[in-house]
Each structure stands twice: as C-alpha cells, then as structure tokens.
Amino acid sequence: MSKIKVSLPDQVDSDIQRLVEQGEFLNRDQAVEDLLKRGISAYNTTTEETETLDEEIFDQTASEQQDPAMQDDFL
C-alpha cells in the first residue's frame, strides 16, 4: 500500500474528524481511504450496463412502444 501526504482545508479535516467521532469510521486512515474511494468512483460513472440501456431505448420500434396510460393495470 502506498502512502501519500495530503494537505487538507481545515473544514475538510474537521468533517473527517467528526465522522470518525460519530462512529462512521473506525479511524482517520479508514475514513480518508473510504472517502477517496467514493470520490474516485463518482467519476467512473460510465459502465457497459449504462451504455447498453441507452442503446436499447433507441432500438425499440414504434410498434413495441406502449403508452402507459393505455395499459389495463391502471384501471
């Protein structure tokens, strides 16, 4: 595992300390590691599943599409 030195704004440091004190994380190292992972994963939002769903929307023909208001389930 690599180690890095990071300078944080006082507010971010306080927020991390508060989360540790509230029991959200066991310690400061775990908090920083988990929060960094979550931040990085937020940038990795493009997945094959999302791309596949987007493509399927445009592959439907007009005859396959249904108006939800016309379904008997809603009566």
C-alpha atoms as a PDB file:
ATOM      1  CA  MET A   1       0.000   0.000   0.000  1.00  0.00           C
ATOM      2  CA  SER A   2       1.445   3.366  -0.914  1.00  0.00           C
ATOM      3  CA  LYS A   3       1.483   6.302   1.443  1.00  0.00           C
ATOM      4  CA  ILE A   4       0.882   9.889   0.473  1.00  0.00           C
ATOM      5  CA  LYS A   5       0.977  13.175   2.306  1.00  0.00           C
ATOM      6  CA  VAL A   6      -2.047  15.414   1.755  1.00  0.00           C
ATOM      7  CA  SER A   7      -2.803  18.933   2.915  1.00  0.00           C
ATOM      8  CA  LEU A   8      -6.491  19.462   3.588  1.00  0.00           C
ATOM      9  CA  PRO A   9      -8.513  22.589   4.258  1.00  0.00           C
ATOM     10  CA  ASP A  10      -9.448  22.946   7.926  1.00  0.00           C
ATOM     11  CA  GLN A  11     -13.152  22.343   7.178  1.00  0.00           C
ATOM     12  CA  VAL A  12     -12.474  19.028   5.415  1.00  0.00           C
ATOM     13  CA  ASP A  13     -10.191  17.949   8.260  1.00  0.00           C
ATOM     14  CA  SER A  14     -12.919  18.820  10.777  1.00  0.00           C
ATOM     15  CA  ASP A  15     -15.537  16.924   8.767  1.00  0.00           C
ATOM     16  CA  ILE A  16     -13.361  13.797   8.675  1.00  0.00           C
ATOM     17  CA  GLN A  17     -12.696  14.023  12.406  1.00  0.00           C
ATOM     18  CA  ARG A  18     -16.427  14.454  13.076  1.00  0.00           C
ATOM     19  CA  LEU A  19     -17.269  11.341  11.032  1.00  0.00           C
ATOM     20  CA  VAL A  20     -14.721   9.311  12.994  1.00  0.00           C
ATOM     21  CA  GLU A  21     -16.067  10.593  16.307  1.00  0.00           C
ATOM     22  CA  GLN A  22     -19.636   9.742  15.232  1.00  0.00           C
ATOM     23  CA  GLY A  23     -18.540   6.157  14.589  1.00  0.00           C
ATOM     24  CA  GLU A  24     -18.933   6.244  10.819  1.00  0.00           C
ATOM     25  CA  PHE A  25     -15.321   5.053  10.521  1.00  0.00           C
ATOM     26  CA  LEU A  26     -13.025   3.195  12.900  1.00  0.00           C
ATOM     27  CA  ASN A  27     -10.210   5.695  12.499  1.00  0.00           C
ATOM     28  CA  ARG A  28      -8.939   8.617  10.440  1.00  0.00           C
ATOM     29  CA  ASP A  29      -6.993   6.434   7.971  1.00  0.00           C
ATOM     30  CA  GLN A  30     -10.054   4.334   7.192  1.00  0.00           C
ATOM     31  CA  ALA A  31     -12.152   7.470   6.754  1.00  0.00           C
ATOM     32  CA  VAL A  32      -9.721   9.080   4.326  1.00  0.00           C
ATOM     33  CA  GLU A  33      -9.293   5.863   2.326  1.00  0.00           C
ATOM     34  CA  ASP A  34     -13.032   5.213   2.043  1.00  0.00           C
ATOM     35  CA  LEU A  35     -13.894   8.801   1.205  1.00  0.00           C
ATOM     36  CA  LEU A  36     -11.227   8.896  -1.506  1.00  0.00           C
ATOM     37  CA  LYS A  37     -12.523   5.634  -2.992  1.00  0.00           C
ATOM     38  CA  ARG A  38     -16.069   7.023  -3.052  1.00  0.00           C
ATOM     39  CA  GLY A  39     -14.904  10.223  -4.686  1.00  0.00           C
ATOM     40  CA  ILE A  40     -12.985   8.361  -7.355  1.00  0.00           C
ATOM     41  CA  SER A  41     -15.886   6.001  -8.053  1.00  0.00           C
ATOM     42  CA  ALA A  42     -18.140   9.024  -8.598  1.00  0.00           C
ATOM     43  CA  TYR A  43     -16.026   9.854 -11.641  1.00  0.00           C
ATOM     44  CA  ASN A  44     -16.280   6.304 -13.009  1.00  0.00           C
ATOM     45  CA  THR A  45     -19.970   6.557 -13.830  1.00  0.00           C
ATOM     46  CA  THR A  46     -19.720   5.227 -17.394  1.00  0.00           C
ATOM     47  CA  THR A  47     -20.317   1.490 -17.388  1.00  0.00           C
ATOM     48  CA  GLU A  48     -21.195  -1.028 -20.048  1.00  0.00           C
ATOM     49  CA  GLU A  49     -24.608  -1.523 -18.442  1.00  0.00           C
ATOM     50  CA  THR A  50     -25.482   2.164 -18.794  1.00  0.00           C
ATOM     51  CA  GLU A  51     -24.333   2.207 -22.402  1.00  0.00           C
ATOM     52  CA  THR A  52     -26.376  -0.925 -23.166  1.00  0.00           C
ATOM     53  CA  LEU A  53     -29.538   0.551 -21.654  1.00  0.00           C
ATOM     54  CA  ASP A  54     -29.132   3.740 -23.657  1.00  0.00           C
ATOM     55  CA  GLU A  55     -28.730   1.772 -26.875  1.00  0.00           C
ATOM     56  CA  GLU A  56     -31.794  -0.393 -26.163  1.00  0.00           C
ATOM     57  CA  ILE A  57     -34.009   2.662 -25.830  1.00  0.00           C
ATOM     58  CA  PHE A  58     -33.284   3.660 -29.397  1.00  0.00           C
ATOM     59  CA  ASP A  59     -33.546   0.113 -30.763  1.00  0.00           C
ATOM     60  CA  GLN A  60     -37.277  -0.173 -29.986  1.00  0.00           C
ATOM     61  CA  THR A  61     -39.624   0.173 -32.923  1.00  0.00           C
ATOM     62  CA  ALA A  62     -42.766   2.259 -32.693  1.00  0.00           C
ATOM     63  CA  SER A  63     -44.915  -0.904 -32.598  1.00  0.00           C
ATOM     64  CA  GLU A  64     -43.040  -2.156 -29.496  1.00  0.00           C
ATOM     65  CA  GLN A  65     -43.605   1.047 -27.576  1.00  0.00           C
ATOM     66  CA  GLN A  66     -46.686   1.329 -25.386  1.00  0.00           C
ATOM     67  CA  ASP A  67     -48.447   4.274 -23.854  1.00  0.00           C
ATOM     68  CA  PRO A  68     -48.587   3.581 -20.078  1.00  0.00           C
ATOM     69  CA  ALA A  69     -51.980   5.308 -19.890  1.00  0.00           C
ATOM     70  CA  MET A  70     -53.428   2.674 -22.229  1.00  0.00           C
ATOM     71  CA  GLN A  71     -52.494  -0.291 -20.009  1.00  0.00           C
ATOM     72  CA  ASP A  72     -55.316  -2.096 -18.170  1.00  0.00           C
ATOM     73  CA  ASP A  73     -53.223  -2.280 -14.966  1.00  0.00           C
ATOM     74  CA  PHE A  74     -54.022   1.326 -14.159  1.00  0.00           C
ATOM     75  CA  LEU A  75     -57.826   0.933 -14.265  1.00  0.00           C
END
